[in-house]
Amino acid sequence: MKYLLGLADGRNEPIKDLENAKRIVLVDKDTVGAEDITFAYCRFEAKTSAHKKHIHKDAEEVIYILSGKGMSGLEKVEVEMVKGDTMFVPRGAVHWFYNPFEEPVEMIFIYTKPSLASAGYQIVE
């Protein structure tokens, strides 16, 4: 069934400027013909480098932590995110994420655009 997806059905889409992490896009325009959202799974291995400060000028984002913990920043505030935490990232807000801890962190996220390219990703550092 086209609309029932397992992790193995997703598209590996590496994260710019980040080692030891993976991003698997499950729902977007290319995978299922989504018109308004991108939904993906992400895993940051223990002690990875940071996902640099960036914006999505054309999309809002929601991040939900499935397991582990990591450090997330939004504008000028940095917080520790743990399993069960959700962060809303407004359109155009500067944000970042990294994992300095001893265990991997897994998350899912949603963009309010049908592809990562259409979200308007820009590094701001």
PDB file of N, CA and C in Angstrom:
ATOM      1  N   MET A   1       0.851  -1.189   0.000  1.00  0.00           N
ATOM      2  CA  MET A   1       0.000   0.000   0.000  1.00  0.00           C
ATOM      3  C   MET A   1       0.884   1.236   0.000  1.00  0.00           C
ATOM      4  N   LYS A   2       0.634   2.140  -0.898  1.00  0.00           N
ATOM      5  CA  LYS A   2       1.446   3.337  -1.089  1.00  0.00           C
ATOM      6  C   LYS A   2       1.501   4.227   0.152  1.00  0.00           C
ATOM      7  N   TYR A   3       0.444   4.248   0.943  1.00  0.00           N
ATOM      8  CA  TYR A   3       0.360   5.190   2.046  1.00  0.00           C
ATOM      9  C   TYR A   3       0.730   4.612   3.408  1.00  0.00           C
ATOM     10  N   LEU A   4       1.077   3.329   3.460  1.00  0.00           N
ATOM     11  CA  LEU A   4       1.553   2.699   4.695  1.00  0.00           C
ATOM     12  C   LEU A   4       3.042   2.467   4.531  1.00  0.00           C
ATOM     13  N   LEU A   5       3.839   3.177   5.337  1.00  0.00           N
ATOM     14  CA  LEU A   5       5.284   3.174   5.149  1.00  0.00           C
ATOM     15  C   LEU A   5       6.021   2.689   6.382  1.00  0.00           C
ATOM     16  N   GLY A   6       7.035   1.882   6.175  1.00  0.00           N
ATOM     17  CA  GLY A   6       7.975   1.516   7.222  1.00  0.00           C
ATOM     18  C   GLY A   6       9.243   2.334   7.052  1.00  0.00           C
ATOM     19  N   LEU A   7      10.095   2.333   8.046  1.00  0.00           N
ATOM     20  CA  LEU A   7      11.328   3.120   7.977  1.00  0.00           C
ATOM     21  C   LEU A   7      12.156   2.754   6.740  1.00  0.00           C
ATOM     22  N   ALA A   8      12.170   1.491   6.375  1.00  0.00           N
ATOM     23  CA  ALA A   8      12.936   1.041   5.207  1.00  0.00           C
ATOM     24  C   ALA A   8      12.385   1.603   3.898  1.00  0.00           C
ATOM     25  N   ASP A   9      11.142   2.084   3.898  1.00  0.00           N
ATOM     26  CA  ASP A   9      10.537   2.667   2.703  1.00  0.00           C
ATOM     27  C   ASP A   9      10.938   4.124   2.493  1.00  0.00           C
ATOM     28  N   GLY A  10      11.536   4.732   3.514  1.00  0.00           N
ATOM     29  CA  GLY A  10      11.894   6.150   3.430  1.00  0.00           C
ATOM     30  C   GLY A  10      13.114   6.399   2.567  1.00  0.00           C
ATOM     31  N   ARG A  11      13.338   7.667   2.280  1.00  0.00           N
ATOM     32  CA  ARG A  11      14.466   8.113   1.477  1.00  0.00           C
ATOM     33  C   ARG A  11      15.532   8.695   2.399  1.00  0.00           C
ATOM     34  N   ASN A  12      16.751   8.171   2.332  1.00  0.00           N
ATOM     35  CA  ASN A  12      17.854   8.714   3.119  1.00  0.00           C
ATOM     36  C   ASN A  12      18.223  10.081   2.558  1.00  0.00           C
ATOM     37  N   GLU A  13      18.129  11.085   3.393  1.00  0.00           N
ATOM     38  CA  GLU A  13      18.473  12.443   2.977  1.00  0.00           C
ATOM     39  C   GLU A  13      19.440  13.014   4.007  1.00  0.00           C
ATOM     40  N   PRO A  14      20.752  12.937   3.717  1.00  0.00           N
ATOM     41  CA  PRO A  14      21.756  13.383   4.697  1.00  0.00           C
ATOM     42  C   PRO A  14      21.548  14.831   5.135  1.00  0.00           C
ATOM     43  N   ILE A  15      21.965  15.110   6.350  1.00  0.00           N
ATOM     44  CA  ILE A  15      21.872  16.454   6.907  1.00  0.00           C
ATOM     45  C   ILE A  15      23.152  17.208   6.575  1.00  0.00           C
ATOM     46  N   LYS A  16      23.015  18.386   6.021  1.00  0.00           N
ATOM     47  CA  LYS A  16      24.179  19.197   5.690  1.00  0.00           C
ATOM     48  C   LYS A  16      24.991  19.501   6.946  1.00  0.00           C
ATOM     49  N   ASP A  17      26.295  19.393   6.833  1.00  0.00           N
ATOM     50  CA  ASP A  17      27.222  19.802   7.897  1.00  0.00           C
ATOM     51  C   ASP A  17      27.056  19.010   9.191  1.00  0.00           C
ATOM     52  N   LEU A  18      26.677  17.753   9.097  1.00  0.00           N
ATOM     53  CA  LEU A  18      26.538  16.937  10.299  1.00  0.00           C
ATOM     54  C   LEU A  18      27.016  15.521  10.013  1.00  0.00           C
ATOM     55  N   GLU A  19      27.927  15.042  10.842  1.00  0.00           N
ATOM     56  CA  GLU A  19      28.416  13.675  10.711  1.00  0.00           C
ATOM     57  C   GLU A  19      27.721  12.783  11.727  1.00  0.00           C
ATOM     58  N   ASN A  20      27.698  11.484  11.431  1.00  0.00           N
ATOM     59  CA  ASN A  20      27.158  10.478  12.356  1.00  0.00           C
ATOM     60  C   ASN A  20      25.683  10.679  12.676  1.00  0.00           C
ATOM     61  N   ALA A  21      24.924  11.132  11.704  1.00  0.00           N
ATOM     62  CA  ALA A  21      23.475  11.272  11.872  1.00  0.00           C
ATOM     63  C   ALA A  21      22.815  10.855  10.571  1.00  0.00           C
ATOM     64  N   LYS A  22      21.557  10.429  10.672  1.00  0.00           N
ATOM     65  CA  LYS A  22      20.819  10.121   9.454  1.00  0.00           C
ATOM     66  C   LYS A  22      19.422  10.704   9.537  1.00  0.00           C
ATOM     67  N   ARG A  23      18.908  11.026   8.358  1.00  0.00           N
ATOM     68  CA  ARG A  23      17.561  11.575   8.236  1.00  0.00           C
ATOM     69  C   ARG A  23      16.848  10.755   7.167  1.00  0.00           C
ATOM     70  N   ILE A  24      15.713  10.181   7.515  1.00  0.00           N
ATOM     71  CA  ILE A  24      14.933   9.365   6.592  1.00  0.00           C
ATOM     72  C   ILE A  24      13.588  10.054   6.361  1.00  0.00           C
ATOM     73  N   VAL A  25      13.365  10.517   5.141  1.00  0.00           N
ATOM     74  CA  VAL A  25      12.108  11.181   4.794  1.00  0.00           C
ATOM     75  C   VAL A  25      11.089  10.109   4.408  1.00  0.00           C
ATOM     76  N   LEU A  26       9.975  10.099   5.116  1.00  0.00           N
ATOM     77  CA  LEU A  26       8.928   9.109   4.877  1.00  0.00           C
ATOM     78  C   LEU A  26       7.764   9.666   4.061  1.00  0.00           C
ATOM     79  N   VAL A  27       7.367  10.884   4.368  1.00  0.00           N
ATOM     80  CA  VAL A  27       6.230  11.498   3.679  1.00  0.00           C
ATOM     81  C   VAL A  27       6.651  12.855   3.149  1.00  0.00           C
ATOM     82  N   ASP A  28       6.527  13.028   1.852  1.00  0.00           N
ATOM     83  CA  ASP A  28       6.719  14.324   1.204  1.00  0.00           C
ATOM     84  C   ASP A  28       6.150  14.227  -0.213  1.00  0.00           C
ATOM     85  N   LYS A  29       6.371  15.232  -1.001  1.00  0.00           N
ATOM     86  CA  LYS A  29       5.826  15.245  -2.363  1.00  0.00           C
ATOM     87  C   LYS A  29       6.328  14.064  -3.181  1.00  0.00           C
ATOM     88  N   ASP A  30       7.613  13.738  -3.040  1.00  0.00           N
ATOM     89  CA  ASP A  30       8.195  12.665  -3.851  1.00  0.00           C
ATOM     90  C   ASP A  30       7.791  11.265  -3.398  1.00  0.00           C
ATOM     91  N   THR A  31       7.612  11.049  -2.103  1.00  0.00           N
ATOM     92  CA  THR A  31       7.314   9.694  -1.628  1.00  0.00           C
ATOM     93  C   THR A  31       5.852   9.309  -1.794  1.00  0.00           C
ATOM     94  N   VAL A  32       4.927  10.196  -1.426  1.00  0.00           N
ATOM     95  CA  VAL A  32       3.500   9.855  -1.482  1.00  0.00           C
ATOM     96  C   VAL A  32       2.632  10.933  -2.132  1.00  0.00           C
ATOM     97  N   GLY A  33       3.272  11.973  -2.659  1.00  0.00           N
ATOM     98  CA  GLY A  33       2.508  13.044  -3.289  1.00  0.00           C
ATOM     99  C   GLY A  33       1.931  14.059  -2.326  1.00  0.00           C
ATOM    100  N   ALA A  34       2.511  14.162  -1.120  1.00  0.00           N
ATOM    101  CA  ALA A  34       2.009  15.130  -0.129  1.00  0.00           C
ATOM    102  C   ALA A  34       2.044  16.544  -0.711  1.00  0.00           C
ATOM    103  N   GLU A  35       1.034  17.318  -0.400  1.00  0.00           N
ATOM    104  CA  GLU A  35       0.943  18.684  -0.909  1.00  0.00           C
ATOM    105  C   GLU A  35       1.335  19.742   0.109  1.00  0.00           C
ATOM    106  N   ASP A  36       1.311  19.386   1.408  1.00  0.00           N
ATOM    107  CA  ASP A  36       1.530  20.416   2.421  1.00  0.00           C
ATOM    108  C   ASP A  36       2.515  20.062   3.521  1.00  0.00           C
ATOM    109  N   ILE A  37       2.997  18.803   3.601  1.00  0.00           N
ATOM    110  CA  ILE A  37       3.871  18.437   4.719  1.00  0.00           C
ATOM    111  C   ILE A  37       5.033  17.555   4.279  1.00  0.00           C
ATOM    112  N   THR A  38       6.060  17.584   5.105  1.00  0.00           N
ATOM    113  CA  THR A  38       7.170  16.640   5.052  1.00  0.00           C
ATOM    114  C   THR A  38       7.281  16.034   6.445  1.00  0.00           C
ATOM    115  N   PHE A  39       7.369  14.711   6.519  1.00  0.00           N
ATOM    116  CA  PHE A  39       7.469  13.983   7.780  1.00  0.00           C
ATOM    117  C   PHE A  39       8.685  13.081   7.697  1.00  0.00           C
ATOM    118  N   ALA A  40       9.539  13.124   8.722  1.00  0.00           N
ATOM    119  CA  ALA A  40      10.781  12.357   8.653  1.00  0.00           C
ATOM    120  C   ALA A  40      11.232  11.882  10.030  1.00  0.00           C
ATOM    121  N   TYR A  41      12.110  10.901  10.008  1.00  0.00           N
ATOM    122  CA  TYR A  41      12.762  10.321  11.184  1.00  0.00           C
ATOM    123  C   TYR A  41      14.222  10.744  11.137  1.00  0.00           C
ATOM    124  N   CYS A  42      14.796  10.996  12.311  1.00  0.00           N
ATOM    125  CA  CYS A  42      16.193  11.401  12.378  1.00  0.00           C
ATOM    126  C   CYS A  42      16.856  10.753  13.587  1.00  0.00           C
ATOM    127  N   ARG A  43      18.120  10.345  13.411  1.00  0.00           N
ATOM    128  CA  ARG A  43      18.894   9.764  14.508  1.00  0.00           C
ATOM    129  C   ARG A  43      20.261  10.444  14.543  1.00  0.00           C
ATOM    130  N   PHE A  44      20.570  11.020  15.711  1.00  0.00           N
ATOM    131  CA  PHE A  44      21.877  11.620  15.959  1.00  0.00           C
ATOM    132  C   PHE A  44      22.656  10.669  16.855  1.00  0.00           C
ATOM    133  N   GLU A  45      23.775  10.160  16.376  1.00  0.00           N
ATOM    134  CA  GLU A  45      24.588   9.261  17.175  1.00  0.00           C
ATOM    135  C   GLU A  45      25.200  10.020  18.360  1.00  0.00           C
ATOM    136  N   ALA A  46      25.639   9.273  19.358  1.00  0.00           N
ATOM    137  CA  ALA A  46      26.232   9.877  20.558  1.00  0.00           C
ATOM    138  C   ALA A  46      27.427  10.749  20.182  1.00  0.00           C
ATOM    139  N   LYS A  47      27.516  11.896  20.849  1.00  0.00           N
ATOM    140  CA  LYS A  47      28.650  12.812  20.722  1.00  0.00           C
ATOM    141  C   LYS A  47      28.898  13.286  19.287  1.00  0.00           C
ATOM    142  N   THR A  48      27.828  13.548  18.540  1.00  0.00           N
ATOM    143  CA  THR A  48      27.995  14.014  17.157  1.00  0.00           C
ATOM    144  C   THR A  48      28.258  15.513  17.115  1.00  0.00           C
ATOM    145  N   SER A  49      28.674  15.959  15.934  1.00  0.00           N
ATOM    146  CA  SER A  49      28.823  17.400  15.726  1.00  0.00           C
ATOM    147  C   SER A  49      27.447  18.045  15.634  1.00  0.00           C
ATOM    148  N   ALA A  50      27.414  19.344  15.731  1.00  0.00           N
ATOM    149  CA  ALA A  50      26.142  20.073  15.787  1.00  0.00           C
ATOM    150  C   ALA A  50      25.509  20.253  14.413  1.00  0.00           C
ATOM    151  N   HIS A  51      24.187  20.222  14.378  1.00  0.00           N
ATOM    152  CA  HIS A  51      23.444  20.698  13.210  1.00  0.00           C
ATOM    153  C   HIS A  51      23.447  22.204  13.355  1.00  0.00           C
ATOM    154  N   LYS A  52      24.173  22.868  12.493  1.00  0.00           N
ATOM    155  CA  LYS A  52      24.440  24.298  12.644  1.00  0.00           C
ATOM    156  C   LYS A  52      23.163  25.137  12.745  1.00  0.00           C
ATOM    157  N   LYS A  53      23.337  26.333  13.259  1.00  0.00           N
ATOM    158  CA  LYS A  53      22.220  27.273  13.325  1.00  0.00           C
ATOM    159  C   LYS A  53      21.706  27.508  11.911  1.00  0.00           C
ATOM    160  N   HIS A  54      20.379  27.381  11.766  1.00  0.00           N
ATOM    161  CA  HIS A  54      19.769  27.523  10.456  1.00  0.00           C
ATOM    162  C   HIS A  54      18.323  27.979  10.600  1.00  0.00           C
ATOM    163  N   ILE A  55      17.745  28.304   9.470  1.00  0.00           N
ATOM    164  CA  ILE A  55      16.327  28.679   9.419  1.00  0.00           C
ATOM    165  C   ILE A  55      15.647  27.894   8.300  1.00  0.00           C
ATOM    166  N   HIS A  56      14.345  27.848   8.369  1.00  0.00           N
ATOM    167  CA  HIS A  56      13.487  27.393   7.274  1.00  0.00           C
ATOM    168  C   HIS A  56      12.571  28.586   7.019  1.00  0.00           C
ATOM    169  N   LYS A  57      12.972  29.440   6.103  1.00  0.00           N
ATOM    170  CA  LYS A  57      12.261  30.709   5.923  1.00  0.00           C
ATOM    171  C   LYS A  57      10.830  30.539   5.415  1.00  0.00           C
ATOM    172  N   ASP A  58      10.525  29.366   4.849  1.00  0.00           N
ATOM    173  CA  ASP A  58       9.212  29.162   4.269  1.00  0.00           C
ATOM    174  C   ASP A  58       8.377  28.082   4.953  1.00  0.00           C
ATOM    175  N   ALA A  59       8.830  27.597   6.130  1.00  0.00           N
ATOM    176  CA  ALA A  59       8.083  26.509   6.773  1.00  0.00           C
ATOM    177  C   ALA A  59       8.201  26.556   8.289  1.00  0.00           C
ATOM    178  N   GLU A  60       7.133  26.136   8.945  1.00  0.00           N
ATOM    179  CA  GLU A  60       7.174  25.858  10.376  1.00  0.00           C
ATOM    180  C   GLU A  60       7.661  24.424  10.542  1.00  0.00           C
ATOM    181  N   GLU A  61       8.139  24.094  11.758  1.00  0.00           N
ATOM    182  CA  GLU A  61       8.633  22.744  12.016  1.00  0.00           C
ATOM    183  C   GLU A  61       8.193  22.293  13.408  1.00  0.00           C
ATOM    184  N   VAL A  62       7.897  21.018  13.543  1.00  0.00           N
ATOM    185  CA  VAL A  62       7.622  20.407  14.835  1.00  0.00           C
ATOM    186  C   VAL A  62       8.602  19.245  14.998  1.00  0.00           C
ATOM    187  N   ILE A  63       9.269  19.199  16.153  1.00  0.00           N
ATOM    188  CA  ILE A  63      10.236  18.149  16.471  1.00  0.00           C
ATOM    189  C   ILE A  63       9.729  17.402  17.696  1.00  0.00           C
ATOM    190  N   TYR A  64       9.776  16.064  17.641  1.00  0.00           N
ATOM    191  CA  TYR A  64       9.346  15.239  18.770  1.00  0.00           C
ATOM    192  C   TYR A  64      10.437  14.208  19.053  1.00  0.00           C
ATOM    193  N   ILE A  65      10.895  14.127  20.306  1.00  0.00           N
ATOM    194  CA  ILE A  65      11.963  13.207  20.689  1.00  0.00           C
ATOM    195  C   ILE A  65      11.372  11.840  21.034  1.00  0.00           C
ATOM    196  N   LEU A  66      11.820  10.819  20.315  1.00  0.00           N
ATOM    197  CA  LEU A  66      11.375   9.439  20.529  1.00  0.00           C
ATOM    198  C   LEU A  66      12.181   8.740  21.616  1.00  0.00           C
ATOM    199  N   SER A  67      13.502   8.954  21.626  1.00  0.00           N
ATOM    200  CA  SER A  67      14.372   8.310  22.608  1.00  0.00           C
ATOM    201  C   SER A  67      15.665   9.104  22.735  1.00  0.00           C
ATOM    202  N   GLY A  68      16.341   8.920  23.866  1.00  0.00           N
ATOM    203  CA  GLY A  68      17.589   9.641  24.109  1.00  0.00           C
ATOM    204  C   GLY A  68      17.335  11.079  24.513  1.00  0.00           C
ATOM    205  N   LYS A  69      18.384  11.881  24.374  1.00  0.00           N
ATOM    206  CA  LYS A  69      18.280  13.300  24.679  1.00  0.00           C
ATOM    207  C   LYS A  69      19.299  14.070  23.863  1.00  0.00           C
ATOM    208  N   GLY A  70      19.043  15.339  23.683  1.00  0.00           N
ATOM    209  CA  GLY A  70      19.928  16.198  22.913  1.00  0.00           C
ATOM    210  C   GLY A  70      19.722  17.643  23.317  1.00  0.00           C
ATOM    211  N   MET A  71      20.561  18.496  22.797  1.00  0.00           N
ATOM    212  CA  MET A  71      20.481  19.929  23.069  1.00  0.00           C
ATOM    213  C   MET A  71      19.900  20.627  21.844  1.00  0.00           C
ATOM    214  N   SER A  72      18.877  21.427  22.094  1.00  0.00           N
ATOM    215  CA  SER A  72      18.206  22.136  21.017  1.00  0.00           C
ATOM    216  C   SER A  72      18.165  23.620  21.331  1.00  0.00           C
ATOM    217  N   GLY A  73      18.378  24.408  20.319  1.00  0.00           N
ATOM    218  CA  GLY A  73      18.309  25.855  20.501  1.00  0.00           C
ATOM    219  C   GLY A  73      17.262  26.450  19.591  1.00  0.00           C
ATOM    220  N   LEU A  74      16.633  27.505  20.095  1.00  0.00           N
ATOM    221  CA  LEU A  74      15.632  28.253  19.338  1.00  0.00           C
ATOM    222  C   LEU A  74      15.836  29.718  19.653  1.00  0.00           C
ATOM    223  N   GLU A  75      16.162  30.488  18.599  1.00  0.00           N
ATOM    224  CA  GLU A  75      16.542  31.891  18.742  1.00  0.00           C
ATOM    225  C   GLU A  75      17.749  31.990  19.681  1.00  0.00           C
ATOM    226  N   LYS A  76      17.603  32.500  20.898  1.00  0.00           N
ATOM    227  CA  LYS A  76      18.759  32.666  21.790  1.00  0.00           C
ATOM    228  C   LYS A  76      18.702  31.768  23.016  1.00  0.00           C
ATOM    229  N   VAL A  77      17.777  30.801  23.028  1.00  0.00           N
ATOM    230  CA  VAL A  77      17.595  29.929  24.184  1.00  0.00           C
ATOM    231  C   VAL A  77      17.967  28.497  23.800  1.00  0.00           C
ATOM    232  N   GLU A  78      18.769  27.850  24.658  1.00  0.00           N
ATOM    233  CA  GLU A  78      19.138  26.459  24.428  1.00  0.00           C
ATOM    234  C   GLU A  78      18.596  25.610  25.570  1.00  0.00           C
ATOM    235  N   VAL A  79      18.009  24.462  25.235  1.00  0.00           N
ATOM    236  CA  VAL A  79      17.417  23.579  26.234  1.00  0.00           C
ATOM    237  C   VAL A  79      17.793  22.131  25.937  1.00  0.00           C
ATOM    238  N   GLU A  80      17.732  21.304  26.974  1.00  0.00           N
ATOM    239  CA  GLU A  80      17.894  19.868  26.801  1.00  0.00           C
ATOM    240  C   GLU A  80      16.533  19.282  26.465  1.00  0.00           C
ATOM    241  N   MET A  81      16.457  18.518  25.387  1.00  0.00           N
ATOM    242  CA  MET A  81      15.225  17.837  25.011  1.00  0.00           C
ATOM    243  C   MET A  81      15.382  16.355  25.324  1.00  0.00           C
ATOM    244  N   VAL A  82      14.356  15.744  25.907  1.00  0.00           N
ATOM    245  CA  VAL A  82      14.376  14.332  26.274  1.00  0.00           C
ATOM    246  C   VAL A  82      13.153  13.636  25.675  1.00  0.00           C
ATOM    247  N   LYS A  83      13.138  12.313  25.778  1.00  0.00           N
ATOM    248  CA  LYS A  83      12.039  11.511  25.267  1.00  0.00           C
ATOM    249  C   LYS A  83      10.694  12.112  25.671  1.00  0.00           C
ATOM    250  N   GLY A  84       9.826  12.288  24.680  1.00  0.00           N
ATOM    251  CA  GLY A  84       8.497  12.834  24.933  1.00  0.00           C
ATOM    252  C   GLY A  84       8.378  14.330  24.746  1.00  0.00           C
ATOM    253  N   ASP A  85       9.508  15.037  24.618  1.00  0.00           N
ATOM    254  CA  ASP A  85       9.463  16.490  24.421  1.00  0.00           C
ATOM    255  C   ASP A  85       9.126  16.830  22.972  1.00  0.00           C
ATOM    256  N   THR A  86       8.385  17.926  22.821  1.00  0.00           N
ATOM    257  CA  THR A  86       8.034  18.467  21.511  1.00  0.00           C
ATOM    258  C   THR A  86       8.482  19.917  21.453  1.00  0.00           C
ATOM    259  N   MET A  87       9.057  20.319  20.325  1.00  0.00           N
ATOM    260  CA  MET A  87       9.418  21.726  20.123  1.00  0.00           C
ATOM    261  C   MET A  87       8.758  22.220  18.840  1.00  0.00           C
ATOM    262  N   PHE A  88       8.134  23.384  18.932  1.00  0.00           N
ATOM    263  CA  PHE A  88       7.580  24.062  17.761  1.00  0.00           C
ATOM    264  C   PHE A  88       8.581  25.118  17.313  1.00  0.00           C
ATOM    265  N   VAL A  89       8.937  25.113  16.037  1.00  0.00           N
ATOM    266  CA  VAL A  89       9.872  26.089  15.476  1.00  0.00           C
ATOM    267  C   VAL A  89       9.094  26.968  14.497  1.00  0.00           C
ATOM    268  N   PRO A  90       8.894  28.242  14.841  1.00  0.00           N
ATOM    269  CA  PRO A  90       8.168  29.136  13.934  1.00  0.00           C
ATOM    270  C   PRO A  90       8.920  29.344  12.609  1.00  0.00           C
ATOM    271  N   ARG A  91       8.175  29.671  11.598  1.00  0.00           N
ATOM    272  CA  ARG A  91       8.750  29.989  10.281  1.00  0.00           C
ATOM    273  C   ARG A  91       9.848  31.053  10.431  1.00  0.00           C
ATOM    274  N   GLY A  92      11.023  30.775   9.903  1.00  0.00           N
ATOM    275  CA  GLY A  92      12.119  31.740   9.903  1.00  0.00           C
ATOM    276  C   GLY A  92      12.901  31.853  11.198  1.00  0.00           C
ATOM    277  N   ALA A  93      12.557  31.081  12.232  1.00  0.00           N
ATOM    278  CA  ALA A  93      13.269  31.167  13.519  1.00  0.00           C
ATOM    279  C   ALA A  93      14.619  30.442  13.429  1.00  0.00           C
ATOM    280  N   VAL A  94      15.633  31.057  13.974  1.00  0.00           N
ATOM    281  CA  VAL A  94      16.961  30.431  14.042  1.00  0.00           C
ATOM    282  C   VAL A  94      16.891  29.282  15.045  1.00  0.00           C
ATOM    283  N   HIS A  95      17.358  28.101  14.634  1.00  0.00           N
ATOM    284  CA  HIS A  95      17.353  26.945  15.532  1.00  0.00           C
ATOM    285  C   HIS A  95      18.508  26.009  15.180  1.00  0.00           C
ATOM    286  N   TRP A  96      18.810  25.084  16.124  1.00  0.00           N
ATOM    287  CA  TRP A  96      19.913  24.148  15.961  1.00  0.00           C
ATOM    288  C   TRP A  96      19.690  22.958  16.879  1.00  0.00           C
ATOM    289  N   PHE A  97      20.522  21.905  16.682  1.00  0.00           N
ATOM    290  CA  PHE A  97      20.401  20.711  17.506  1.00  0.00           C
ATOM    291  C   PHE A  97      21.739  19.987  17.515  1.00  0.00           C
ATOM    292  N   TYR A  98      22.100  19.412  18.662  1.00  0.00           N
ATOM    293  CA  TYR A  98      23.298  18.575  18.727  1.00  0.00           C
ATOM    294  C   TYR A  98      23.164  17.577  19.869  1.00  0.00           C
ATOM    295  N   ASN A  99      23.996  16.544  19.802  1.00  0.00           N
ATOM    296  CA  ASN A  99      23.948  15.488  20.810  1.00  0.00           C
ATOM    297  C   ASN A  99      25.328  15.330  21.453  1.00  0.00           C
ATOM    298  N   PRO A 100      25.546  15.925  22.629  1.00  0.00           N
ATOM    299  CA  PRO A 100      26.823  15.761  23.331  1.00  0.00           C
ATOM    300  C   PRO A 100      26.810  14.585  24.310  1.00  0.00           C
ATOM    301  N   PHE A 101      25.717  13.847  24.339  1.00  0.00           N
ATOM    302  CA  PHE A 101      25.528  12.808  25.351  1.00  0.00           C
ATOM    303  C   PHE A 101      26.049  11.448  24.904  1.00  0.00           C
ATOM    304  N   GLU A 102      26.043  10.494  25.828  1.00  0.00           N
ATOM    305  CA  GLU A 102      26.619   9.167  25.623  1.00  0.00           C
ATOM    306  C   GLU A 102      25.711   8.205  24.860  1.00  0.00           C
ATOM    307  N   GLU A 103      24.478   8.605  24.574  1.00  0.00           N
ATOM    308  CA  GLU A 103      23.543   7.722  23.879  1.00  0.00           C
ATOM    309  C   GLU A 103      22.980   8.431  22.651  1.00  0.00           C
ATOM    310  N   PRO A 104      22.558   7.665  21.645  1.00  0.00           N
ATOM    311  CA  PRO A 104      21.931   8.288  20.479  1.00  0.00           C
ATOM    312  C   PRO A 104      20.603   8.950  20.858  1.00  0.00           C
ATOM    313  N   VAL A 105      20.175   9.878  20.039  1.00  0.00           N
ATOM    314  CA  VAL A 105      18.859  10.489  20.193  1.00  0.00           C
ATOM    315  C   VAL A 105      18.105  10.270  18.879  1.00  0.00           C
ATOM    316  N   GLU A 106      16.835   9.855  19.009  1.00  0.00           N
ATOM    317  CA  GLU A 106      15.990   9.639  17.843  1.00  0.00           C
ATOM    318  C   GLU A 106      14.800  10.590  17.927  1.00  0.00           C
ATOM    319  N   MET A 107      14.401  11.107  16.780  1.00  0.00           N
ATOM    320  CA  MET A 107      13.303  12.066  16.737  1.00  0.00           C
ATOM    321  C   MET A 107      12.528  11.914  15.442  1.00  0.00           C
ATOM    322  N   ILE A 108      11.349  12.483  15.431  1.00  0.00           N
ATOM    323  CA  ILE A 108      10.604  12.681  14.204  1.00  0.00           C
ATOM    324  C   ILE A 108      10.359  14.176  14.062  1.00  0.00           C
ATOM    325  N   PHE A 109      10.194  14.614  12.828  1.00  0.00           N
ATOM    326  CA  PHE A 109       9.892  16.026  12.621  1.00  0.00           C
ATOM    327  C   PHE A 109       8.978  16.191  11.422  1.00  0.00           C
ATOM    328  N   ILE A 110       8.273  17.314  11.432  1.00  0.00           N
ATOM    329  CA  ILE A 110       7.344  17.673  10.358  1.00  0.00           C
ATOM    330  C   ILE A 110       7.648  19.102   9.929  1.00  0.00           C
ATOM    331  N   TYR A 111       7.736  19.304   8.612  1.00  0.00           N
ATOM    332  CA  TYR A 111       7.790  20.649   8.016  1.00  0.00           C
ATOM    333  C   TYR A 111       6.439  20.921   7.362  1.00  0.00           C
ATOM    334  N   THR A 112       6.052  22.170   7.335  1.00  0.00           N
ATOM    335  CA  THR A 112       4.783  22.542   6.707  1.00  0.00           C
ATOM    336  C   THR A 112       4.978  22.906   5.238  1.00  0.00           C
ATOM    337  N   LYS A 113       5.803  22.147   4.569  1.00  0.00           N
ATOM    338  CA  LYS A 113       6.008  22.244   3.114  1.00  0.00           C
ATOM    339  C   LYS A 113       6.152  20.826   2.581  1.00  0.00           C
ATOM    340  N   PRO A 114       5.874  20.591   1.301  1.00  0.00           N
ATOM    341  CA  PRO A 114       5.888  19.235   0.768  1.00  0.00           C
ATOM    342  C   PRO A 114       7.272  18.677   0.423  1.00  0.00           C
ATOM    343  N   SER A 115       8.325  19.439   0.698  1.00  0.00           N
ATOM    344  CA  SER A 115       9.684  18.939   0.497  1.00  0.00           C
ATOM    345  C   SER A 115      10.639  19.757   1.357  1.00  0.00           C
ATOM    346  N   LEU A 116      11.778  19.163   1.661  1.00  0.00           N
ATOM    347  CA  LEU A 116      12.784  19.898   2.430  1.00  0.00           C
ATOM    348  C   LEU A 116      13.302  21.092   1.632  1.00  0.00           C
ATOM    349  N   ALA A 117      13.441  20.919   0.334  1.00  0.00           N
ATOM    350  CA  ALA A 117      13.924  22.018  -0.504  1.00  0.00           C
ATOM    351  C   ALA A 117      12.971  23.212  -0.462  1.00  0.00           C
ATOM    352  N   SER A 118      11.669  22.961  -0.452  1.00  0.00           N
ATOM    353  CA  SER A 118      10.701  24.061  -0.466  1.00  0.00           C
ATOM    354  C   SER A 118      10.554  24.734   0.902  1.00  0.00           C
ATOM    355  N   ALA A 119      11.165  24.160   1.948  1.00  0.00           N
ATOM    356  CA  ALA A 119      11.107  24.775   3.279  1.00  0.00           C
ATOM    357  C   ALA A 119      11.996  26.009   3.374  1.00  0.00           C
ATOM    358  N   GLY A 120      12.955  26.161   2.480  1.00  0.00           N
ATOM    359  CA  GLY A 120      13.818  27.347   2.482  1.00  0.00           C
ATOM    360  C   GLY A 120      14.958  27.257   3.476  1.00  0.00           C
ATOM    361  N   TYR A 121      15.607  26.101   3.569  1.00  0.00           N
ATOM    362  CA  TYR A 121      16.721  25.868   4.485  1.00  0.00           C
ATOM    363  C   TYR A 121      17.884  26.815   4.182  1.00  0.00           C
ATOM    364  N   GLN A 122      18.389  27.498   5.233  1.00  0.00           N
ATOM    365  CA  GLN A 122      19.567  28.365   5.108  1.00  0.00           C
ATOM    366  C   GLN A 122      20.371  28.318   6.402  1.00  0.00           C
ATOM    367  N   ILE A 123      21.679  28.055   6.292  1.00  0.00           N
ATOM    368  CA  ILE A 123      22.564  28.153   7.463  1.00  0.00           C
ATOM    369  C   ILE A 123      22.766  29.625   7.769  1.00  0.00           C
ATOM    370  N   VAL A 124      22.767  29.996   9.063  1.00  0.00           N
ATOM    371  CA  VAL A 124      22.893  31.410   9.428  1.00  0.00           C
ATOM    372  C   VAL A 124      24.169  31.710  10.199  1.00  0.00           C
ATOM    373  N   GLU A 125      25.042  30.734  10.397  1.00  0.00           N
ATOM    374  CA  GLU A 125      26.313  30.982  11.092  1.00  0.00           C
ATOM    375  C   GLU A 125      27.331  31.521  10.132  1.00  0.00           C
TER     376      GLU A 125
END
